[in-house]
């Protein structure tokens, strides 16, 4: 199954919810949501810096990842960005593909 990294920034409302519920309660919510899409929560880490939370998941495909990002962002507690993660084997497969390309102005 494809893997995705969700970078999450909490809004003021999201921070209030976190302070009220705590991190483990939020993990349970996230895990149920991902399992409902046919996926699996791989990791979930709170962080300092530009993002508040990093979530790594396995999902059936891009449409499931898009649905997850859309629904969570539309709820108003978070803003998300999604990164598609590739395994070393997937990169090997990409390297073996022949791609014709010419740089602009070349």
N, C-alpha and C. Protein backbone atom coordinates (compact mmCIF):
# COMPACT_ATOMS: atom_id res chain seq x y z
N UNK A 1 0.84 -1.18 0.00
CA UNK A 1 0.00 0.00 0.00
C UNK A 1 0.89 1.24 0.00
N UNK A 2 0.50 2.28 -0.74
CA UNK A 2 1.28 3.52 -0.75
C UNK A 2 1.36 4.16 0.63
N UNK A 3 2.47 4.86 0.87
CA UNK A 3 2.68 5.55 2.15
C UNK A 3 2.64 7.05 1.93
N UNK A 4 2.13 7.74 2.95
CA UNK A 4 1.99 9.19 2.89
C UNK A 4 2.44 9.79 4.22
N UNK A 5 2.99 10.99 4.12
CA UNK A 5 3.32 11.79 5.29
C UNK A 5 2.40 13.00 5.29
N UNK A 6 1.64 13.15 6.36
CA UNK A 6 0.80 14.33 6.52
C UNK A 6 1.50 15.27 7.50
N UNK A 7 1.75 16.49 7.02
CA UNK A 7 2.31 17.53 7.87
C UNK A 7 1.14 18.40 8.31
N UNK A 8 0.96 18.52 9.61
CA UNK A 8 -0.25 19.12 10.15
C UNK A 8 0.09 20.34 11.00
N UNK A 9 -0.61 21.43 10.73
CA UNK A 9 -0.51 22.65 11.53
C UNK A 9 -1.86 22.88 12.18
N UNK A 10 -1.90 22.93 13.49
CA UNK A 10 -3.16 23.16 14.20
C UNK A 10 -3.54 24.63 14.16
N UNK A 11 -4.84 24.88 13.99
CA UNK A 11 -5.38 26.23 14.11
C UNK A 11 -5.59 26.52 15.59
N UNK A 12 -6.05 27.71 15.92
CA UNK A 12 -6.34 28.05 17.31
C UNK A 12 -7.39 27.07 17.86
N UNK A 13 -8.43 26.79 17.08
CA UNK A 13 -9.45 25.84 17.54
C UNK A 13 -8.86 24.44 17.73
N UNK A 14 -7.97 24.04 16.83
CA UNK A 14 -7.32 22.74 16.96
C UNK A 14 -6.46 22.66 18.21
N UNK A 15 -5.75 23.74 18.51
CA UNK A 15 -4.93 23.77 19.73
C UNK A 15 -5.80 23.70 20.98
N UNK A 16 -6.94 24.39 20.96
CA UNK A 16 -7.86 24.32 22.10
C UNK A 16 -8.37 22.89 22.28
N UNK A 17 -8.70 22.24 21.17
CA UNK A 17 -9.16 20.85 21.23
C UNK A 17 -8.09 19.93 21.77
N UNK A 18 -6.85 20.13 21.35
CA UNK A 18 -5.74 19.31 21.84
C UNK A 18 -5.56 19.50 23.34
N UNK A 19 -5.61 20.74 23.79
CA UNK A 19 -5.46 21.01 25.23
C UNK A 19 -6.59 20.36 26.03
N UNK A 20 -7.77 20.29 25.44
CA UNK A 20 -8.92 19.70 26.12
C UNK A 20 -8.88 18.17 26.11
N UNK A 21 -8.49 17.57 24.97
CA UNK A 21 -8.57 16.12 24.81
C UNK A 21 -7.26 15.39 25.07
N UNK A 22 -6.14 16.02 24.75
CA UNK A 22 -4.84 15.37 24.88
C UNK A 22 -4.43 14.65 23.60
N UNK A 23 -3.17 14.30 23.54
CA UNK A 23 -2.58 13.70 22.34
C UNK A 23 -3.02 12.28 22.07
N UNK A 24 -3.15 11.46 23.11
CA UNK A 24 -3.53 10.06 22.87
C UNK A 24 -4.96 9.94 22.38
N UNK A 25 -5.84 10.80 22.86
CA UNK A 25 -7.22 10.80 22.37
C UNK A 25 -7.26 11.19 20.90
N UNK A 26 -6.44 12.15 20.52
CA UNK A 26 -6.40 12.55 19.10
C UNK A 26 -5.84 11.42 18.24
N UNK A 27 -4.85 10.69 18.77
CA UNK A 27 -4.30 9.55 18.02
C UNK A 27 -5.39 8.52 17.75
N UNK A 28 -6.24 8.25 18.73
CA UNK A 28 -7.32 7.29 18.55
C UNK A 28 -8.28 7.75 17.45
N UNK A 29 -8.59 9.04 17.42
CA UNK A 29 -9.46 9.59 16.38
C UNK A 29 -8.82 9.43 15.02
N UNK A 30 -7.55 9.78 14.91
CA UNK A 30 -6.82 9.68 13.64
C UNK A 30 -6.75 8.23 13.19
N UNK A 31 -6.46 7.33 14.11
CA UNK A 31 -6.33 5.91 13.76
C UNK A 31 -7.66 5.36 13.22
N UNK A 32 -8.77 5.68 13.87
CA UNK A 32 -10.08 5.23 13.39
C UNK A 32 -10.39 5.79 12.01
N UNK A 33 -10.06 7.06 11.80
CA UNK A 33 -10.32 7.70 10.51
C UNK A 33 -9.54 7.00 9.40
N UNK A 34 -8.28 6.71 9.64
CA UNK A 34 -7.43 6.07 8.64
C UNK A 34 -7.90 4.64 8.38
N UNK A 35 -8.21 3.91 9.43
CA UNK A 35 -8.72 2.54 9.26
C UNK A 35 -10.03 2.53 8.50
N UNK A 36 -10.86 3.56 8.69
CA UNK A 36 -12.11 3.68 7.95
C UNK A 36 -11.90 3.84 6.46
N UNK A 37 -10.74 4.34 6.08
CA UNK A 37 -10.39 4.48 4.66
C UNK A 37 -9.66 3.24 4.13
N UNK A 38 -9.53 2.22 4.96
CA UNK A 38 -8.83 1.01 4.54
C UNK A 38 -7.33 1.09 4.72
N UNK A 39 -6.86 2.04 5.54
CA UNK A 39 -5.43 2.25 5.73
C UNK A 39 -4.96 1.86 7.11
N UNK A 40 -3.71 2.24 7.38
CA UNK A 40 -3.07 1.91 8.65
C UNK A 40 -2.21 3.08 9.10
N UNK A 41 -2.35 3.46 10.37
CA UNK A 41 -1.50 4.49 10.96
C UNK A 41 -0.14 3.87 11.26
N UNK A 42 0.91 4.44 10.68
CA UNK A 42 2.27 3.93 10.92
C UNK A 42 2.94 4.67 12.07
N UNK A 43 2.84 6.00 12.07
CA UNK A 43 3.43 6.79 13.16
C UNK A 43 2.72 8.12 13.27
N UNK A 44 2.81 8.70 14.47
CA UNK A 44 2.20 10.00 14.73
C UNK A 44 3.05 10.69 15.79
N UNK A 45 3.66 11.80 15.40
CA UNK A 45 4.56 12.52 16.30
C UNK A 45 4.20 13.99 16.37
N UNK A 46 4.05 14.50 17.60
CA UNK A 46 3.91 15.93 17.83
C UNK A 46 5.30 16.54 17.75
N UNK A 47 5.37 17.81 17.31
CA UNK A 47 6.68 18.40 17.04
C UNK A 47 6.69 19.89 17.36
N UNK A 48 7.90 20.42 17.52
CA UNK A 48 8.14 21.85 17.57
C UNK A 48 8.45 22.30 16.15
N UNK A 49 8.18 23.55 15.83
CA UNK A 49 8.59 24.07 14.52
C UNK A 49 7.42 24.51 13.68
N UNK A 50 7.61 24.46 12.36
CA UNK A 50 6.59 24.94 11.43
C UNK A 50 5.31 24.12 11.49
N UNK A 51 5.43 22.82 11.70
CA UNK A 51 4.27 21.95 11.82
C UNK A 51 4.15 21.48 13.27
N UNK A 52 2.92 21.16 13.65
CA UNK A 52 2.66 20.68 15.00
C UNK A 52 2.64 19.16 15.09
N UNK A 53 2.41 18.51 13.96
CA UNK A 53 2.19 17.07 13.97
C UNK A 53 2.64 16.47 12.65
N UNK A 54 3.28 15.32 12.72
CA UNK A 54 3.66 14.54 11.54
C UNK A 54 3.01 13.17 11.66
N UNK A 55 2.26 12.79 10.64
CA UNK A 55 1.53 11.52 10.65
C UNK A 55 1.92 10.73 9.40
N UNK A 56 2.42 9.52 9.60
CA UNK A 56 2.79 8.64 8.49
C UNK A 56 1.76 7.52 8.43
N UNK A 57 1.20 7.32 7.23
CA UNK A 57 0.13 6.34 7.07
C UNK A 57 0.33 5.52 5.81
N UNK A 58 -0.31 4.36 5.78
CA UNK A 58 -0.49 3.59 4.56
C UNK A 58 -1.96 3.74 4.18
N UNK A 59 -2.21 4.07 2.92
CA UNK A 59 -3.57 4.21 2.42
C UNK A 59 -3.69 3.51 1.07
N UNK A 60 -4.91 3.14 0.67
CA UNK A 60 -5.08 2.44 -0.60
C UNK A 60 -4.59 3.22 -1.82
N UNK A 61 -4.61 4.54 -1.78
CA UNK A 61 -4.15 5.31 -2.93
C UNK A 61 -4.33 6.80 -2.73
N UNK A 62 -4.05 7.54 -3.80
CA UNK A 62 -4.07 9.00 -3.74
C UNK A 62 -5.44 9.57 -3.41
N UNK A 63 -6.51 8.93 -3.90
CA UNK A 63 -7.83 9.48 -3.61
C UNK A 63 -8.16 9.38 -2.12
N UNK A 64 -7.72 8.31 -1.47
CA UNK A 64 -7.91 8.19 -0.02
C UNK A 64 -7.10 9.25 0.72
N UNK A 65 -5.88 9.49 0.27
CA UNK A 65 -5.03 10.52 0.88
C UNK A 65 -5.66 11.90 0.69
N UNK A 66 -6.19 12.15 -0.51
CA UNK A 66 -6.84 13.44 -0.77
C UNK A 66 -8.07 13.61 0.11
N UNK A 67 -8.87 12.55 0.24
CA UNK A 67 -10.07 12.61 1.08
C UNK A 67 -9.71 12.94 2.52
N UNK A 68 -8.68 12.30 3.03
CA UNK A 68 -8.25 12.54 4.40
C UNK A 68 -7.82 13.99 4.59
N UNK A 69 -7.03 14.51 3.67
CA UNK A 69 -6.58 15.90 3.77
C UNK A 69 -7.72 16.89 3.64
N UNK A 70 -8.64 16.62 2.71
CA UNK A 70 -9.77 17.53 2.50
C UNK A 70 -10.68 17.59 3.72
N UNK A 71 -11.05 16.43 4.23
CA UNK A 71 -11.99 16.37 5.35
C UNK A 71 -11.40 17.00 6.61
N UNK A 72 -10.14 16.68 6.91
CA UNK A 72 -9.55 17.23 8.13
C UNK A 72 -9.35 18.75 8.02
N UNK A 73 -8.94 19.22 6.86
CA UNK A 73 -8.75 20.67 6.69
C UNK A 73 -10.09 21.40 6.71
N UNK A 74 -11.12 20.81 6.08
CA UNK A 74 -12.43 21.46 6.03
C UNK A 74 -13.08 21.56 7.41
N UNK A 75 -12.72 20.67 8.32
CA UNK A 75 -13.29 20.71 9.67
C UNK A 75 -12.82 21.93 10.45
N UNK A 76 -11.71 22.54 10.04
CA UNK A 76 -11.28 23.81 10.63
C UNK A 76 -10.25 23.74 11.74
N UNK A 77 -9.95 22.55 12.26
CA UNK A 77 -9.00 22.46 13.37
C UNK A 77 -7.56 22.36 12.95
N UNK A 78 -7.35 22.01 11.68
CA UNK A 78 -5.98 21.82 11.18
C UNK A 78 -5.86 22.29 9.74
N UNK A 79 -4.63 22.50 9.34
CA UNK A 79 -4.26 22.67 7.92
C UNK A 79 -3.26 21.56 7.63
N UNK A 80 -3.46 20.85 6.54
CA UNK A 80 -2.57 19.73 6.24
C UNK A 80 -1.90 19.91 4.89
N UNK A 81 -0.73 19.32 4.77
CA UNK A 81 -0.10 19.13 3.46
C UNK A 81 0.32 17.67 3.41
N UNK A 82 0.25 17.11 2.22
CA UNK A 82 0.48 15.68 2.03
C UNK A 82 1.71 15.45 1.19
N UNK A 83 2.55 14.53 1.63
CA UNK A 83 3.76 14.14 0.90
C UNK A 83 3.63 12.66 0.56
N UNK A 84 3.77 12.33 -0.72
CA UNK A 84 3.79 10.92 -1.13
C UNK A 84 5.19 10.38 -0.83
N UNK A 85 5.26 9.27 -0.12
CA UNK A 85 6.55 8.68 0.25
C UNK A 85 6.85 7.49 -0.67
N UNK A 86 8.09 7.39 -1.11
CA UNK A 86 8.51 6.29 -1.98
C UNK A 86 9.57 5.46 -1.28
N UNK A 87 9.47 4.16 -1.44
CA UNK A 87 10.46 3.24 -0.86
C UNK A 87 11.72 3.24 -1.73
N UNK A 88 12.83 2.72 -1.21
CA UNK A 88 14.04 2.59 -2.03
C UNK A 88 13.78 1.76 -3.29
N UNK A 89 12.95 0.73 -3.17
CA UNK A 89 12.63 -0.09 -4.35
C UNK A 89 11.84 0.70 -5.39
N UNK A 90 10.94 1.56 -4.94
CA UNK A 90 10.19 2.38 -5.89
C UNK A 90 11.11 3.38 -6.59
N UNK A 91 12.08 3.92 -5.88
CA UNK A 91 13.05 4.83 -6.50
C UNK A 91 13.89 4.06 -7.51
N UNK A 92 14.30 2.83 -7.17
CA UNK A 92 15.06 2.01 -8.12
C UNK A 92 14.26 1.81 -9.40
N UNK A 93 12.97 1.53 -9.26
CA UNK A 93 12.11 1.35 -10.43
C UNK A 93 12.01 2.65 -11.24
N UNK A 94 11.92 3.78 -10.56
CA UNK A 94 11.86 5.07 -11.25
C UNK A 94 13.15 5.35 -12.00
N UNK A 95 14.28 5.02 -11.40
CA UNK A 95 15.59 5.25 -12.03
C UNK A 95 15.72 4.42 -13.30
N UNK A 96 15.15 3.23 -13.32
CA UNK A 96 15.25 2.35 -14.49
C UNK A 96 14.38 2.81 -15.66
N UNK A 97 13.42 3.67 -15.41
CA UNK A 97 12.54 4.12 -16.49
C UNK A 97 13.28 5.11 -17.38
N UNK A 98 13.06 4.98 -18.66
CA UNK A 98 13.68 5.88 -19.63
C UNK A 98 12.75 7.07 -19.86
N UNK A 99 13.27 8.26 -19.60
CA UNK A 99 12.49 9.48 -19.76
C UNK A 99 13.25 10.42 -20.67
N UNK A 100 12.58 10.90 -21.71
CA UNK A 100 13.21 11.89 -22.60
C UNK A 100 12.87 13.28 -22.07
N UNK A 101 13.90 14.12 -21.96
CA UNK A 101 13.70 15.45 -21.42
C UNK A 101 14.75 16.38 -22.00
N UNK A 102 14.34 17.62 -22.26
CA UNK A 102 15.26 18.66 -22.67
C UNK A 102 15.02 19.85 -21.75
N UNK A 103 16.08 20.35 -21.13
CA UNK A 103 15.96 21.51 -20.24
C UNK A 103 15.57 22.75 -21.05
N UNK A 104 14.84 23.68 -20.46
CA UNK A 104 14.48 24.91 -21.17
C UNK A 104 15.73 25.63 -21.68
N UNK A 105 15.70 26.02 -22.92
CA UNK A 105 16.81 26.75 -23.52
C UNK A 105 17.98 25.90 -23.95
N UNK A 106 17.91 24.59 -23.74
CA UNK A 106 19.04 23.72 -24.11
C UNK A 106 18.98 23.35 -25.58
